[in-house]
């Protein structure tokens, strides 16, 4: 299964670890969307930066 992850808030003012997590997901700017595999590692990254992301199930 795949998920679509979109960055909806700026990373300005966030902890460096959260910024690194967002970058690790492949997100570069606001409203940038990437499709990622649904793995426990990715879910952990989404949980860490979840207040800045929108997550949808990809078809």
PDB file of N, CA and C in Angstrom:
ATOM      1  N   UNK A   1       0.841  -1.167   0.000  1.00  0.00           N
ATOM      2  CA  UNK A   1       0.000   0.000   0.000  1.00  0.00           C
ATOM      3  C   UNK A   1       0.889   1.235   0.000  1.00  0.00           C
ATOM      4  N   UNK A   2       0.415   2.282  -0.638  1.00  0.00           N
ATOM      5  CA  UNK A   2       1.155   3.529  -0.697  1.00  0.00           C
ATOM      6  C   UNK A   2       0.340   4.645  -0.078  1.00  0.00           C
ATOM      7  N   UNK A   3       1.054   5.687   0.361  1.00  0.00           N
ATOM      8  CA  UNK A   3       0.406   6.852   0.954  1.00  0.00           C
ATOM      9  C   UNK A   3       0.911   8.105   0.258  1.00  0.00           C
ATOM     10  N   UNK A   4       0.013   9.088   0.116  1.00  0.00           N
ATOM     11  CA  UNK A   4       0.400  10.391  -0.396  1.00  0.00           C
ATOM     12  C   UNK A   4       0.582  11.312   0.801  1.00  0.00           C
ATOM     13  N   UNK A   5       1.747  11.930   0.902  1.00  0.00           N
ATOM     14  CA  UNK A   5       2.065  12.817   2.018  1.00  0.00           C
ATOM     15  C   UNK A   5       2.321  14.208   1.453  1.00  0.00           C
ATOM     16  N   UNK A   6       1.644  15.212   2.022  1.00  0.00           N
ATOM     17  CA  UNK A   6       1.759  16.588   1.564  1.00  0.00           C
ATOM     18  C   UNK A   6       2.183  17.465   2.731  1.00  0.00           C
ATOM     19  N   UNK A   7       3.157  18.340   2.485  1.00  0.00           N
ATOM     20  CA  UNK A   7       3.584  19.310   3.488  1.00  0.00           C
ATOM     21  C   UNK A   7       2.631  20.491   3.440  1.00  0.00           C
ATOM     22  N   UNK A   8       1.948  20.788   4.551  1.00  0.00           N
ATOM     23  CA  UNK A   8       0.953  21.859   4.559  1.00  0.00           C
ATOM     24  C   UNK A   8       1.374  23.051   5.409  1.00  0.00           C
ATOM     25  N   UNK A   9       2.427  22.905   6.206  1.00  0.00           N
ATOM     26  CA  UNK A   9       2.925  24.020   7.013  1.00  0.00           C
ATOM     27  C   UNK A   9       4.426  24.147   6.823  1.00  0.00           C
ATOM     28  N   UNK A  10       4.933  25.348   7.043  1.00  0.00           N
ATOM     29  CA  UNK A  10       6.355  25.620   6.887  1.00  0.00           C
ATOM     30  C   UNK A  10       7.166  24.939   7.986  1.00  0.00           C
ATOM     31  N   UNK A  11       8.399  24.591   7.652  1.00  0.00           N
ATOM     32  CA  UNK A  11       9.293  23.996   8.642  1.00  0.00           C
ATOM     33  C   UNK A  11      10.045  25.057   9.438  1.00  0.00           C
ATOM     34  N   UNK A  12       9.846  26.324   9.122  1.00  0.00           N
ATOM     35  CA  UNK A  12      10.530  27.397   9.837  1.00  0.00           C
ATOM     36  C   UNK A  12      10.163  27.356  11.316  1.00  0.00           C
ATOM     37  N   UNK A  13      11.153  27.413  12.172  1.00  0.00           N
ATOM     38  CA  UNK A  13      10.928  27.428  13.607  1.00  0.00           C
ATOM     39  C   UNK A  13      10.794  26.062  14.234  1.00  0.00           C
ATOM     40  N   UNK A  14      10.890  25.007  13.443  1.00  0.00           N
ATOM     41  CA  UNK A  14      10.763  23.651  13.972  1.00  0.00           C
ATOM     42  C   UNK A  14      12.123  23.136  14.451  1.00  0.00           C
ATOM     43  N   UNK A  15      12.087  22.097  15.249  1.00  0.00           N
ATOM     44  CA  UNK A  15      13.323  21.448  15.675  1.00  0.00           C
ATOM     45  C   UNK A  15      14.046  20.869  14.467  1.00  0.00           C
ATOM     46  N   UNK A  16      15.372  20.833  14.543  1.00  0.00           N
ATOM     47  CA  UNK A  16      16.157  20.314  13.420  1.00  0.00           C
ATOM     48  C   UNK A  16      15.815  18.868  13.113  1.00  0.00           C
ATOM     49  N   UNK A  17      15.458  18.097  14.140  1.00  0.00           N
ATOM     50  CA  UNK A  17      15.107  16.697  13.893  1.00  0.00           C
ATOM     51  C   UNK A  17      13.813  16.586  13.099  1.00  0.00           C
ATOM     52  N   UNK A  18      12.866  17.483  13.325  1.00  0.00           N
ATOM     53  CA  UNK A  18      11.608  17.456  12.570  1.00  0.00           C
ATOM     54  C   UNK A  18      11.852  17.907  11.138  1.00  0.00           C
ATOM     55  N   UNK A  19      12.694  18.919  10.961  1.00  0.00           N
ATOM     56  CA  UNK A  19      13.038  19.366   9.610  1.00  0.00           C
ATOM     57  C   UNK A  19      13.711  18.231   8.849  1.00  0.00           C
ATOM     58  N   UNK A  20      14.614  17.511   9.517  1.00  0.00           N
ATOM     59  CA  UNK A  20      15.297  16.388   8.880  1.00  0.00           C
ATOM     60  C   UNK A  20      14.311  15.275   8.520  1.00  0.00           C
ATOM     61  N   UNK A  21      13.309  15.061   9.358  1.00  0.00           N
ATOM     62  CA  UNK A  21      12.292  14.047   9.075  1.00  0.00           C
ATOM     63  C   UNK A  21      11.484  14.418   7.839  1.00  0.00           C
ATOM     64  N   UNK A  22      11.089  15.676   7.746  1.00  0.00           N
ATOM     65  CA  UNK A  22      10.337  16.146   6.576  1.00  0.00           C
ATOM     66  C   UNK A  22      11.179  15.984   5.321  1.00  0.00           C
ATOM     67  N   UNK A  23      12.453  16.351   5.402  1.00  0.00           N
ATOM     68  CA  UNK A  23      13.353  16.193   4.256  1.00  0.00           C
ATOM     69  C   UNK A  23      13.543  14.720   3.916  1.00  0.00           C
ATOM     70  N   UNK A  24      13.609  13.881   4.947  1.00  0.00           N
ATOM     71  CA  UNK A  24      13.770  12.444   4.732  1.00  0.00           C
ATOM     72  C   UNK A  24      12.586  11.816   4.018  1.00  0.00           C
ATOM     73  N   UNK A  25      11.423  12.405   4.193  1.00  0.00           N
ATOM     74  CA  UNK A  25      10.244  11.933   3.469  1.00  0.00           C
ATOM     75  C   UNK A  25      10.264  12.390   2.013  1.00  0.00           C
ATOM     76  N   UNK A  26      11.160  13.301   1.678  1.00  0.00           N
ATOM     77  CA  UNK A  26      11.273  13.791   0.307  1.00  0.00           C
ATOM     78  C   UNK A  26      10.510  15.071   0.046  1.00  0.00           C
ATOM     79  N   UNK A  27      10.028  15.715   1.107  1.00  0.00           N
ATOM     80  CA  UNK A  27       9.251  16.941   0.954  1.00  0.00           C
ATOM     81  C   UNK A  27      10.182  18.141   0.977  1.00  0.00           C
ATOM     82  N   UNK A  28      10.001  19.060   0.030  1.00  0.00           N
ATOM     83  CA  UNK A  28      10.913  20.196  -0.109  1.00  0.00           C
ATOM     84  C   UNK A  28      10.262  21.547   0.180  1.00  0.00           C
ATOM     85  N   UNK A  29       8.981  21.691  -0.112  1.00  0.00           N
ATOM     86  CA  UNK A  29       8.329  22.989   0.052  1.00  0.00           C
ATOM     87  C   UNK A  29       6.853  22.775   0.387  1.00  0.00           C
ATOM     88  N   UNK A  30       6.193  23.832   0.792  1.00  0.00           N
ATOM     89  CA  UNK A  30       4.781  23.758   1.149  1.00  0.00           C
ATOM     90  C   UNK A  30       3.980  23.340  -0.088  1.00  0.00           C
ATOM     91  N   UNK A  31       2.990  22.489   0.106  1.00  0.00           N
ATOM     92  CA  UNK A  31       2.115  21.908  -0.927  1.00  0.00           C
ATOM     93  C   UNK A  31       2.845  20.936  -1.846  1.00  0.00           C
ATOM     94  N   UNK A  32       4.027  20.478  -1.465  1.00  0.00           N
ATOM     95  CA  UNK A  32       4.737  19.446  -2.220  1.00  0.00           C
ATOM     96  C   UNK A  32       4.214  18.096  -1.749  1.00  0.00           C
ATOM     97  N   UNK A  33       3.870  17.222  -2.682  1.00  0.00           N
ATOM     98  CA  UNK A  33       3.310  15.913  -2.367  1.00  0.00           C
ATOM     99  C   UNK A  33       4.230  14.819  -2.883  1.00  0.00           C
ATOM    100  N   UNK A  34       4.435  13.801  -2.049  1.00  0.00           N
ATOM    101  CA  UNK A  34       5.209  12.631  -2.457  1.00  0.00           C
ATOM    102  C   UNK A  34       4.386  11.383  -2.151  1.00  0.00           C
ATOM    103  N   UNK A  35       4.658  10.320  -2.894  1.00  0.00           N
ATOM    104  CA  UNK A  35       4.030   9.032  -2.649  1.00  0.00           C
ATOM    105  C   UNK A  35       5.076   8.120  -2.048  1.00  0.00           C
ATOM    106  N   UNK A  36       4.769   7.551  -0.875  1.00  0.00           N
ATOM    107  CA  UNK A  36       5.720   6.701  -0.158  1.00  0.00           C
ATOM    108  C   UNK A  36       5.056   5.372   0.184  1.00  0.00           C
ATOM    109  N   UNK A  37       5.879   4.353   0.403  1.00  0.00           N
ATOM    110  CA  UNK A  37       5.391   3.051   0.838  1.00  0.00           C
ATOM    111  C   UNK A  37       4.902   3.140   2.286  1.00  0.00           C
ATOM    112  N   UNK A  38       3.919   2.346   2.622  1.00  0.00           N
ATOM    113  CA  UNK A  38       3.392   2.301   3.987  1.00  0.00           C
ATOM    114  C   UNK A  38       4.201   1.272   4.776  1.00  0.00           C
ATOM    115  N   UNK A  39       5.267   1.753   5.449  1.00  0.00           N
ATOM    116  CA  UNK A  39       6.103   0.889   6.273  1.00  0.00           C
ATOM    117  C   UNK A  39       6.121   1.437   7.692  1.00  0.00           C
ATOM    118  N   UNK A  40       6.515   0.636   8.675  1.00  0.00           N
ATOM    119  CA  UNK A  40       6.589   1.141  10.050  1.00  0.00           C
ATOM    120  C   UNK A  40       7.550   2.326  10.189  1.00  0.00           C
ATOM    121  N   UNK A  41       8.640   2.331   9.421  1.00  0.00           N
ATOM    122  CA  UNK A  41       9.589   3.430   9.492  1.00  0.00           C
ATOM    123  C   UNK A  41       8.973   4.733   8.997  1.00  0.00           C
ATOM    124  N   UNK A  42       8.263   4.654   7.882  1.00  0.00           N
ATOM    125  CA  UNK A  42       7.619   5.844   7.324  1.00  0.00           C
ATOM    126  C   UNK A  42       6.509   6.324   8.249  1.00  0.00           C
ATOM    127  N   UNK A  43       5.751   5.397   8.831  1.00  0.00           N
ATOM    128  CA  UNK A  43       4.696   5.804   9.766  1.00  0.00           C
ATOM    129  C   UNK A  43       5.272   6.536  10.974  1.00  0.00           C
ATOM    130  N   UNK A  44       6.438   6.120  11.442  1.00  0.00           N
ATOM    131  CA  UNK A  44       7.099   6.811  12.545  1.00  0.00           C
ATOM    132  C   UNK A  44       7.516   8.216  12.160  1.00  0.00           C
ATOM    133  N   UNK A  45       8.006   8.379  10.944  1.00  0.00           N
ATOM    134  CA  UNK A  45       8.383   9.704  10.467  1.00  0.00           C
ATOM    135  C   UNK A  45       7.154  10.601  10.349  1.00  0.00           C
ATOM    136  N   UNK A  46       6.060  10.042   9.856  1.00  0.00           N
ATOM    137  CA  UNK A  46       4.826  10.817   9.732  1.00  0.00           C
ATOM    138  C   UNK A  46       4.304  11.202  11.114  1.00  0.00           C
ATOM    139  N   UNK A  47       4.405  10.303  12.082  1.00  0.00           N
ATOM    140  CA  UNK A  47       3.959  10.602  13.439  1.00  0.00           C
ATOM    141  C   UNK A  47       4.779  11.738  14.045  1.00  0.00           C
ATOM    142  N   UNK A  48       6.090  11.771  13.770  1.00  0.00           N
ATOM    143  CA  UNK A  48       6.966  12.797  14.332  1.00  0.00           C
ATOM    144  C   UNK A  48       6.635  14.188  13.792  1.00  0.00           C
ATOM    145  N   UNK A  49       6.268  14.273  12.533  1.00  0.00           N
ATOM    146  CA  UNK A  49       5.998  15.569  11.904  1.00  0.00           C
ATOM    147  C   UNK A  49       4.538  15.691  11.492  1.00  0.00           C
ATOM    148  N   UNK A  50       3.673  14.932  12.117  1.00  0.00           N
ATOM    149  CA  UNK A  50       2.272  14.863  11.711  1.00  0.00           C
ATOM    150  C   UNK A  50       1.517  16.166  11.792  1.00  0.00           C
ATOM    151  N   UNK A  51       1.948  17.081  12.655  1.00  0.00           N
ATOM    152  CA  UNK A  51       1.255  18.358  12.791  1.00  0.00           C
ATOM    153  C   UNK A  51       1.483  19.271  11.583  1.00  0.00           C
ATOM    154  N   UNK A  52       2.377  18.871  10.676  1.00  0.00           N
ATOM    155  CA  UNK A  52       2.690  19.675   9.505  1.00  0.00           C
ATOM    156  C   UNK A  52       2.301  18.990   8.206  1.00  0.00           C
ATOM    157  N   UNK A  53       1.761  17.779   8.291  1.00  0.00           N
ATOM    158  CA  UNK A  53       1.527  16.971   7.110  1.00  0.00           C
ATOM    159  C   UNK A  53       0.062  16.642   6.922  1.00  0.00           C
ATOM    160  N   UNK A  54      -0.304  16.374   5.666  1.00  0.00           N
ATOM    161  CA  UNK A  54      -1.607  15.801   5.325  1.00  0.00           C
ATOM    162  C   UNK A  54      -1.308  14.453   4.675  1.00  0.00           C
ATOM    163  N   UNK A  55      -1.944  13.404   5.177  1.00  0.00           N
ATOM    164  CA  UNK A  55      -1.676  12.041   4.698  1.00  0.00           C
ATOM    165  C   UNK A  55      -2.951  11.462   4.104  1.00  0.00           C
ATOM    166  N   UNK A  56      -2.828  10.903   2.899  1.00  0.00           N
ATOM    167  CA  UNK A  56      -3.957  10.246   2.226  1.00  0.00           C
ATOM    168  C   UNK A  56      -3.508   8.904   1.715  1.00  0.00           C
ATOM    169  N   UNK A  57      -4.454   8.024   1.523  1.00  0.00           N
ATOM    170  CA  UNK A  57      -4.147   6.718   0.929  1.00  0.00           C
ATOM    171  C   UNK A  57      -4.058   6.891  -0.579  1.00  0.00           C
ATOM    172  N   UNK A  58      -2.993   6.395  -1.170  1.00  0.00           N
ATOM    173  CA  UNK A  58      -2.804   6.487  -2.629  1.00  0.00           C
ATOM    174  C   UNK A  58      -3.428   5.279  -3.305  1.00  0.00           C
ATOM    175  N   UNK A  59      -3.896   5.471  -4.503  1.00  0.00           N
ATOM    176  CA  UNK A  59      -4.524   4.400  -5.282  1.00  0.00           C
ATOM    177  C   UNK A  59      -3.493   3.666  -6.079  1.00  0.00           C
TER     178      UNK A  59
END
